[in-house]
N, C-alpha and C. Protein backbone atom coordinates (compact mmCIF):
# COMPACT_ATOMS: atom_id res chain seq x y z
N MET A 1 55.30 -4.96 53.40
CA MET A 1 56.42 -5.66 52.98
C MET A 1 57.88 -4.92 52.60
N SER A 2 58.63 -5.02 53.12
CA SER A 2 60.05 -4.53 52.97
C SER A 2 61.08 -5.42 52.66
N VAL A 3 61.79 -5.23 51.40
CA VAL A 3 62.79 -6.29 50.95
C VAL A 3 63.44 -5.51 50.20
N THR A 4 65.06 -5.75 50.42
CA THR A 4 66.12 -5.05 49.91
C THR A 4 66.47 -5.90 48.32
N VAL A 5 66.60 -5.48 47.48
CA VAL A 5 67.23 -6.05 45.91
C VAL A 5 68.33 -5.13 45.48
N THR A 6 69.33 -5.97 44.75
CA THR A 6 70.20 -5.50 44.47
C THR A 6 70.57 -5.34 42.94
N VAL A 7 70.84 -4.08 42.37
CA VAL A 7 70.87 -3.78 40.96
C VAL A 7 71.92 -4.84 40.21
N SER A 8 71.99 -5.56 39.19
CA SER A 8 72.94 -6.16 38.79
C SER A 8 73.81 -5.51 37.91
N SER A 9 75.16 -5.92 37.47
CA SER A 9 75.86 -5.35 36.46
C SER A 9 75.24 -4.93 34.95
N LYS A 10 73.84 -5.44 34.74
CA LYS A 10 73.62 -5.06 33.68
C LYS A 10 72.36 -3.95 33.90
N HIS A 11 72.21 -3.60 35.14
CA HIS A 11 71.33 -2.65 35.89
C HIS A 11 69.74 -3.13 36.10
N GLN A 12 69.86 -4.47 36.07
CA GLN A 12 68.27 -5.20 36.62
C GLN A 12 68.19 -5.48 37.80
N ILE A 13 67.12 -5.92 38.06
CA ILE A 13 66.57 -5.94 39.89
C ILE A 13 65.66 -7.26 39.48
N VAL A 14 65.28 -8.23 40.37
CA VAL A 14 64.49 -8.94 40.83
C VAL A 14 63.40 -8.75 41.39
N VAL A 15 62.08 -8.65 41.13
CA VAL A 15 60.86 -8.20 41.73
C VAL A 15 60.80 -9.65 42.79
N PRO A 16 60.76 -9.47 44.20
CA PRO A 16 60.54 -10.67 44.67
C PRO A 16 59.48 -11.38 44.61
N ARG A 17 59.41 -12.83 45.00
CA ARG A 17 58.02 -13.37 44.89
C ARG A 17 56.92 -13.02 45.47
N GLU A 18 57.06 -12.63 46.66
CA GLU A 18 55.79 -12.13 47.43
C GLU A 18 55.17 -11.02 46.82
N ALA A 19 56.01 -9.95 46.12
CA ALA A 19 55.44 -8.92 45.48
C ALA A 19 54.67 -9.32 44.32
N ARG A 20 55.39 -10.35 43.41
CA ARG A 20 54.81 -10.85 42.17
C ARG A 20 53.62 -11.41 42.45
N GLU A 21 53.63 -12.28 43.41
CA GLU A 21 52.22 -12.91 43.81
C GLU A 21 51.10 -12.16 44.22
N LYS A 22 51.61 -11.03 45.01
CA LYS A 22 50.33 -9.93 45.69
C LYS A 22 49.91 -9.37 44.08
N LEU A 23 50.61 -8.96 43.54
CA LEU A 23 50.29 -8.02 42.36
C LEU A 23 50.44 -8.60 41.01
N ARG A 24 50.07 -10.12 41.13
CA ARG A 24 49.79 -11.08 40.12
C ARG A 24 50.45 -10.36 38.99
N ILE A 25 52.02 -10.21 39.20
CA ILE A 25 52.84 -9.92 38.00
C ILE A 25 53.31 -11.31 37.42
N GLY A 26 53.63 -11.47 35.96
CA GLY A 26 53.78 -12.67 35.61
C GLY A 26 55.06 -12.27 34.55
N PRO A 27 55.38 -13.33 34.00
CA PRO A 27 56.83 -13.18 32.80
C PRO A 27 56.08 -12.23 31.73
N GLY A 28 56.46 -11.15 31.24
CA GLY A 28 56.05 -10.48 30.09
C GLY A 28 55.52 -9.25 30.32
N GLN A 29 55.04 -9.09 31.59
CA GLN A 29 54.36 -7.96 31.75
C GLN A 29 55.00 -6.92 31.74
N ALA A 30 54.26 -5.82 31.54
CA ALA A 30 54.67 -4.66 31.65
C ALA A 30 54.71 -3.97 33.04
N LEU A 31 55.49 -3.36 33.35
CA LEU A 31 55.55 -2.08 34.77
C LEU A 31 55.79 -1.02 34.12
N LEU A 32 55.16 0.21 34.85
CA LEU A 32 55.28 1.57 34.63
C LEU A 32 56.46 1.74 35.96
N VAL A 33 57.47 2.59 35.26
CA VAL A 33 58.64 3.34 36.33
C VAL A 33 58.08 4.49 36.67
N LEU A 34 57.93 4.80 37.86
CA LEU A 34 57.44 6.40 38.18
C LEU A 34 59.04 6.72 39.11
N CYS A 35 59.42 7.61 38.72
CA CYS A 35 60.56 8.34 39.22
C CYS A 35 60.18 9.81 40.15
N LYS A 36 60.37 9.21 41.56
CA LYS A 36 59.93 10.40 42.49
C LYS A 36 61.20 11.06 42.69
N GLU A 37 61.14 12.17 43.49
CA GLU A 37 62.19 12.83 43.96
C GLU A 37 63.31 12.04 45.01
N ASP A 38 63.00 11.15 45.63
CA ASP A 38 64.02 10.18 46.18
C ASP A 38 63.74 8.71 45.96
N ARG A 39 62.95 8.33 45.34
CA ARG A 39 62.69 6.93 45.16
C ARG A 39 62.15 6.39 43.69
N ILE A 40 62.06 5.25 43.51
CA ILE A 40 61.58 4.80 42.42
C ILE A 40 60.32 3.87 42.57
N VAL A 41 59.46 3.76 42.08
CA VAL A 41 57.93 3.28 42.06
C VAL A 41 57.67 2.31 40.98
N LEU A 42 57.43 1.04 41.10
CA LEU A 42 57.08 0.09 39.95
C LEU A 42 55.57 -0.35 40.35
N ILE A 43 54.79 -0.24 39.33
CA ILE A 43 53.30 -0.45 39.45
C ILE A 43 53.40 -1.29 38.26
N PRO A 44 52.21 -2.58 38.02
CA PRO A 44 51.96 -3.03 37.03
C PRO A 44 50.95 -2.16 35.94
N LYS A 45 51.46 -2.21 34.85
CA LYS A 45 50.76 -1.36 33.51
C LYS A 45 49.33 -2.12 33.38
N PRO A 46 48.38 -1.32 33.55
CA PRO A 46 46.92 -1.79 33.17
C PRO A 46 46.85 -2.35 32.06
N ARG A 47 46.13 -3.64 32.08
CA ARG A 47 45.81 -4.19 30.59
C ARG A 47 44.90 -3.27 29.82
N SER A 48 43.85 -2.57 30.74
CA SER A 48 43.04 -1.82 29.69
C SER A 48 42.82 -0.27 30.98
N TYR A 49 43.29 0.94 30.43
CA TYR A 49 43.28 1.90 31.45
C TYR A 49 41.72 2.18 31.12
N THR A 50 40.91 2.12 30.74
CA THR A 50 39.26 2.12 30.54
C THR A 50 39.00 1.45 31.95
N LYS A 51 38.91 0.20 31.95
CA LYS A 51 38.61 -0.53 32.97
C LYS A 51 39.10 -0.05 34.35
N ARG A 52 40.51 0.23 34.43
CA ARG A 52 41.08 0.49 35.62
C ARG A 52 40.72 1.95 35.86
N THR A 53 40.17 2.91 35.27
CA THR A 53 39.85 3.94 35.68
C THR A 53 38.50 4.04 36.02
N ALA A 54 37.61 3.18 35.41
CA ALA A 54 36.40 3.34 35.36
C ALA A 54 35.93 3.23 37.02
N GLY A 55 34.99 4.28 37.12
CA GLY A 55 34.47 4.67 38.71
C GLY A 55 35.16 5.46 39.42
N LEU A 56 36.25 6.06 39.01
CA LEU A 56 37.01 6.98 39.58
C LEU A 56 36.42 8.31 39.83
N HIS A 57 36.48 8.79 41.13
CA HIS A 57 35.45 10.27 40.95
C HIS A 57 34.34 10.02 40.67
N GLN A 58 33.48 8.99 41.40
CA GLN A 58 32.09 8.87 41.78
C GLN A 58 31.49 10.11 42.60
N LYS A 59 32.26 10.45 43.02
CA LYS A 59 31.61 11.35 44.05
C LYS A 59 31.45 12.71 43.72
N THR A 60 32.37 13.18 42.72
CA THR A 60 32.70 14.38 41.85
C THR A 60 31.27 14.26 41.00
N TRP A 61 31.31 13.22 40.41
CA TRP A 61 30.15 13.30 39.20
C TRP A 61 28.57 12.69 39.77
N GLN A 62 28.31 12.79 41.04
CA GLN A 62 27.27 12.53 41.46
C GLN A 62 26.18 13.07 40.96
N GLY A 63 25.07 12.71 40.23
CA GLY A 63 24.03 13.17 39.17
C GLY A 63 24.38 13.28 38.16
N GLY A 64 25.43 13.04 37.57
CA GLY A 64 25.85 12.96 36.18
C GLY A 64 26.80 14.07 35.82
N ALA A 65 27.27 13.89 34.66
CA ALA A 65 28.21 14.94 34.24
C ALA A 65 27.56 16.41 34.01
N ALA A 66 26.38 16.35 33.54
CA ALA A 66 25.47 17.66 33.02
C ALA A 66 25.36 18.47 34.69
N SER A 67 24.73 17.39 35.34
CA SER A 67 24.37 18.20 36.76
C SER A 67 25.95 19.08 37.41
N TYR A 68 26.92 18.33 37.03
CA TYR A 68 28.06 18.72 37.84
C TYR A 68 28.45 20.14 37.09
N LEU A 69 28.42 19.92 35.72
CA LEU A 69 28.74 21.10 35.08
C LEU A 69 27.96 22.36 35.26
N ALA A 70 26.54 22.17 35.42
CA ALA A 70 25.57 23.13 35.68
C ALA A 70 26.07 23.96 37.04
N GLU A 71 26.26 23.02 37.89
CA GLU A 71 26.74 23.44 39.18
C GLU A 71 27.74 24.37 39.15
N GLU A 72 28.75 24.00 38.61
CA GLU A 72 30.14 24.67 38.76
C GLU A 72 29.90 25.56 37.75
N ARG A 73 29.30 26.00 36.52
CA ARG A 73 29.06 26.79 35.79
C ARG A 73 27.86 27.98 36.76
N GLY A 74 27.39 27.58 37.46
CA GLY A 74 26.25 28.46 38.14
C GLY A 74 27.35 29.25 39.41
N SER A 75 28.34 28.54 39.61
CA SER A 75 29.24 29.14 40.43
C SER A 75 30.13 30.57 40.09
N TRP A 76 30.23 30.50 39.02
CA TRP A 76 31.03 31.32 38.02
C TRP A 76 30.42 32.74 38.06
N ASP A 77 29.38 32.86 38.05
CA ASP A 77 28.51 34.19 38.35
C ASP A 77 28.51 34.91 39.80
N LYS A 78 28.92 34.15 40.52
CA LYS A 78 29.08 34.65 42.27
C LYS A 78 30.34 35.32 42.44
C-alpha cells in the first residue's frame, strides 16, 4: 500500500483508513515514531512488550538458555 499524506499547519497527519484497519489502530492508541536517515516509520506501540517479544530468537535458544550459554562458553577456549 502506498498513500500520500499531507502535514497540516499544526504538523499533524492523518493515518489512512486502510492502514488503521490493517494494523488495528484505534482512537487513543499510541504509535512509536522511528526516525531513519531518510524516512519516518510509524508502528503501533505494543500493549505488552513481553507478549510482543515472546518467542523471538527461538532458533538461537534451542535446547534452552543453559545449553546455549554452555556452547558459547565452550567456544571461548578454542
